[in-house]
Amino acid sequence: MGQPAVRDRINVPVEGDWVTTGQAKKLLGVSSVNTVKRWAAEGKLEAQKVGANNWMRISMDSIRRLLRSGDENVQAFRRLKKSLDDLTDLDFPVTNDDLQATSDRRMGHLPWEK
């Protein structure tokens, strides 16, 4: 479940060879269009600006290449998204204290250690 479910990717309306950053976000399985924009700025995705507002469009070919590349950042985002998705499937509530106990400020400590 590290990438969007097939049904979610199928339901992303794609017209032509260029998609919006929102569509690219869904296709790539990341949670923010800012990640898509950053990857475009880093050259991982091919982008162009269109219209009077300079809306960014992302090349479908570059999305396909990035998904096939095994890029470390893409894989890390997929693992993180899977972890977050798994949290939503819990059958008990997670409190803010629970989240704080597992925050990255306590890296290297087990949750039950003080």
C-alpha atoms as a PDB file:
ATOM      1  CA  MET A   1       0.000   0.000   0.000  1.00  0.00           C
ATOM      2  CA  GLY A   2       3.064   2.238  -0.389  1.00  0.00           C
ATOM      3  CA  GLN A   3       1.643   3.626  -3.601  1.00  0.00           C
ATOM      4  CA  PRO A   4      -1.940   4.620  -4.252  1.00  0.00           C
ATOM      5  CA  ALA A   5      -4.316   1.731  -4.721  1.00  0.00           C
ATOM      6  CA  VAL A   6      -4.825   0.867  -8.369  1.00  0.00           C
ATOM      7  CA  ARG A   7      -8.427   2.075  -8.209  1.00  0.00           C
ATOM      8  CA  ASP A   8      -7.236   5.482  -6.905  1.00  0.00           C
ATOM      9  CA  ARG A   9      -4.733   5.836  -9.747  1.00  0.00           C
ATOM     10  CA  ILE A  10      -7.298   4.758 -12.339  1.00  0.00           C
ATOM     11  CA  ASN A  11      -9.722   7.433 -11.112  1.00  0.00           C
ATOM     12  CA  VAL A  12      -7.198  10.240 -11.608  1.00  0.00           C
ATOM     13  CA  PRO A  13      -8.457  11.955 -14.755  1.00  0.00           C
ATOM     14  CA  VAL A  14      -5.500  12.381 -17.112  1.00  0.00           C
ATOM     15  CA  GLU A  15      -5.892  14.252 -20.360  1.00  0.00           C
ATOM     16  CA  GLY A  16      -2.901  14.325 -22.667  1.00  0.00           C
ATOM     17  CA  ASP A  17       0.738  14.097 -21.741  1.00  0.00           C
ATOM     18  CA  TRP A  18       0.724  16.697 -18.942  1.00  0.00           C
ATOM     19  CA  VAL A  19      -1.087  16.611 -15.586  1.00  0.00           C
ATOM     20  CA  THR A  20      -1.638  19.066 -12.759  1.00  0.00           C
ATOM     21  CA  THR A  21       0.488  18.906  -9.616  1.00  0.00           C
ATOM     22  CA  GLY A  22      -2.571  17.545  -7.775  1.00  0.00           C
ATOM     23  CA  GLN A  23      -2.964  14.715 -10.277  1.00  0.00           C
ATOM     24  CA  ALA A  24       0.788  14.023 -10.146  1.00  0.00           C
ATOM     25  CA  LYS A  25       0.604  13.904  -6.345  1.00  0.00           C
ATOM     26  CA  LYS A  26      -2.020  11.166  -6.517  1.00  0.00           C
ATOM     27  CA  LEU A  27      -0.215   9.221  -9.225  1.00  0.00           C
ATOM     28  CA  LEU A  28       3.066   9.338  -7.285  1.00  0.00           C
ATOM     29  CA  GLY A  29       1.438   8.485  -3.969  1.00  0.00           C
ATOM     30  CA  VAL A  30       2.761  11.503  -2.085  1.00  0.00           C
ATOM     31  CA  SER A  31       0.724  13.630   0.283  1.00  0.00           C
ATOM     32  CA  SER A  32       1.621  17.133  -0.890  1.00  0.00           C
ATOM     33  CA  VAL A  33       1.827  19.018  -4.178  1.00  0.00           C
ATOM     34  CA  ASN A  34       4.846  20.753  -2.642  1.00  0.00           C
ATOM     35  CA  THR A  35       6.733  17.446  -2.913  1.00  0.00           C
ATOM     36  CA  VAL A  36       5.830  17.302  -6.612  1.00  0.00           C
ATOM     37  CA  LYS A  37       6.973  20.908  -7.094  1.00  0.00           C
ATOM     38  CA  ARG A  38      10.245  20.238  -5.230  1.00  0.00           C
ATOM     39  CA  TRP A  39      10.954  17.146  -7.349  1.00  0.00           C
ATOM     40  CA  ALA A  40      10.282  19.248 -10.463  1.00  0.00           C
ATOM     41  CA  ALA A  41      12.716  21.915  -9.206  1.00  0.00           C
ATOM     42  CA  GLU A  42      15.299  19.184  -8.517  1.00  0.00           C
ATOM     43  CA  GLY A  43      14.867  17.868 -12.066  1.00  0.00           C
ATOM     44  CA  LYS A  44      13.312  14.556 -11.035  1.00  0.00           C
ATOM     45  CA  LEU A  45      10.108  15.517 -12.842  1.00  0.00           C
ATOM     46  CA  GLU A  46       9.726  17.433 -16.090  1.00  0.00           C
ATOM     47  CA  ALA A  47       7.487  20.458 -15.592  1.00  0.00           C
ATOM     48  CA  GLN A  48       6.165  23.392 -17.566  1.00  0.00           C
ATOM     49  CA  LYS A  49       4.231  26.472 -16.572  1.00  0.00           C
ATOM     50  CA  VAL A  50       1.064  27.259 -18.481  1.00  0.00           C
ATOM     51  CA  GLY A  51      -1.518  30.017 -18.602  1.00  0.00           C
ATOM     52  CA  ALA A  52      -1.557  33.532 -17.241  1.00  0.00           C
ATOM     53  CA  ASN A  53      -1.192  32.226 -13.680  1.00  0.00           C
ATOM     54  CA  ASN A  54       1.832  30.049 -14.571  1.00  0.00           C
ATOM     55  CA  TRP A  55       0.152  26.876 -13.331  1.00  0.00           C
ATOM     56  CA  MET A  56       2.617  24.001 -13.216  1.00  0.00           C
ATOM     57  CA  ARG A  57       1.990  20.905 -15.324  1.00  0.00           C
ATOM     58  CA  ILE A  58       3.974  17.687 -14.935  1.00  0.00           C
ATOM     59  CA  SER A  59       4.930  15.340 -17.774  1.00  0.00           C
ATOM     60  CA  MET A  60       3.337  11.892 -17.571  1.00  0.00           C
ATOM     61  CA  ASP A  61       6.511  10.408 -19.064  1.00  0.00           C
ATOM     62  CA  SER A  62       8.608  11.849 -16.239  1.00  0.00           C
ATOM     63  CA  ILE A  63       6.132  10.466 -13.655  1.00  0.00           C
ATOM     64  CA  ARG A  64       6.407   7.012 -15.235  1.00  0.00           C
ATOM     65  CA  ARG A  65      10.226   7.264 -15.275  1.00  0.00           C
ATOM     66  CA  LEU A  66      10.351   8.336 -11.630  1.00  0.00           C
ATOM     67  CA  LEU A  67       8.026   5.532 -10.516  1.00  0.00           C
ATOM     68  CA  ARG A  68      10.153   2.953 -12.359  1.00  0.00           C
ATOM     69  CA  SER A  69      13.470   4.424 -11.204  1.00  0.00           C
ATOM     70  CA  GLY A  70      13.389   3.124  -7.642  1.00  0.00           C
ATOM     71  CA  ASP A  71      14.407   6.628  -6.499  1.00  0.00           C
ATOM     72  CA  GLU A  72      15.238   6.588  -2.790  1.00  0.00           C
ATOM     73  CA  ASN A  73      13.015   9.603  -2.015  1.00  0.00           C
ATOM     74  CA  VAL A  74      10.026   8.122  -3.824  1.00  0.00           C
ATOM     75  CA  GLN A  75      10.455   4.838  -1.970  1.00  0.00           C
ATOM     76  CA  ALA A  76      10.806   6.674   1.374  1.00  0.00           C
ATOM     77  CA  PHE A  77       7.605   8.655   0.735  1.00  0.00           C
ATOM     78  CA  ARG A  78       5.777   5.462  -0.194  1.00  0.00           C
ATOM     79  CA  ARG A  79       6.904   3.782   3.041  1.00  0.00           C
ATOM     80  CA  LEU A  80       5.887   6.834   5.091  1.00  0.00           C
ATOM     81  CA  LYS A  81       2.497   7.029   3.387  1.00  0.00           C
ATOM     82  CA  LYS A  82       1.956   3.310   4.005  1.00  0.00           C
ATOM     83  CA  SER A  83       2.775   3.808   7.690  1.00  0.00           C
ATOM     84  CA  LEU A  84       0.321   6.688   7.925  1.00  0.00           C
ATOM     85  CA  ASP A  85      -2.339   4.710   6.052  1.00  0.00           C
ATOM     86  CA  ASP A  86      -1.784   1.795   8.430  1.00  0.00           C
ATOM     87  CA  LEU A  87      -2.377   4.149  11.377  1.00  0.00           C
ATOM     88  CA  THR A  88      -5.796   5.056  10.008  1.00  0.00           C
ATOM     89  CA  ASP A  89      -6.704   1.362  10.050  1.00  0.00           C
ATOM     90  CA  LEU A  90      -6.189   1.023  13.816  1.00  0.00           C
ATOM     91  CA  ASP A  91      -9.150  -0.233  15.779  1.00  0.00           C
ATOM     92  CA  PHE A  92      -8.280   1.987  18.766  1.00  0.00           C
ATOM     93  CA  PRO A  93      -7.792   5.734  19.086  1.00  0.00           C
ATOM     94  CA  VAL A  94      -4.314   7.250  18.940  1.00  0.00           C
ATOM     95  CA  THR A  95      -3.904  10.219  21.272  1.00  0.00           C
ATOM     96  CA  ASN A  96      -1.598  13.202  20.945  1.00  0.00           C
ATOM     97  CA  ASP A  97       0.450  11.717  23.809  1.00  0.00           C
ATOM     98  CA  ASP A  98       0.872   8.513  21.771  1.00  0.00           C
ATOM     99  CA  LEU A  99       2.072  10.516  18.785  1.00  0.00           C
ATOM    100  CA  GLN A 100       4.422  12.585  20.933  1.00  0.00           C
ATOM    101  CA  ALA A 101       5.927   9.422  22.384  1.00  0.00           C
ATOM    102  CA  THR A 102       6.811   8.223  18.900  1.00  0.00           C
ATOM    103  CA  SER A 103       8.012  11.572  17.535  1.00  0.00           C
ATOM    104  CA  ASP A 104      11.408  11.900  15.907  1.00  0.00           C
ATOM    105  CA  ARG A 105      12.638  13.890  18.922  1.00  0.00           C
ATOM    106  CA  ARG A 106      12.929  10.583  20.736  1.00  0.00           C
ATOM    107  CA  MET A 107      14.738   8.720  17.971  1.00  0.00           C
ATOM    108  CA  GLY A 108      16.679   5.766  19.289  1.00  0.00           C
ATOM    109  CA  HIS A 109      14.419   5.320  22.307  1.00  0.00           C
ATOM    110  CA  LEU A 110      11.790   2.691  22.648  1.00  0.00           C
ATOM    111  CA  PRO A 111       8.339   4.104  23.499  1.00  0.00           C
ATOM    112  CA  TRP A 112       8.313   2.442  26.912  1.00  0.00           C
ATOM    113  CA  GLU A 113      11.743   3.832  27.866  1.00  0.00           C
ATOM    114  CA  LYS A 114      11.814   7.112  29.777  1.00  0.00           C
END
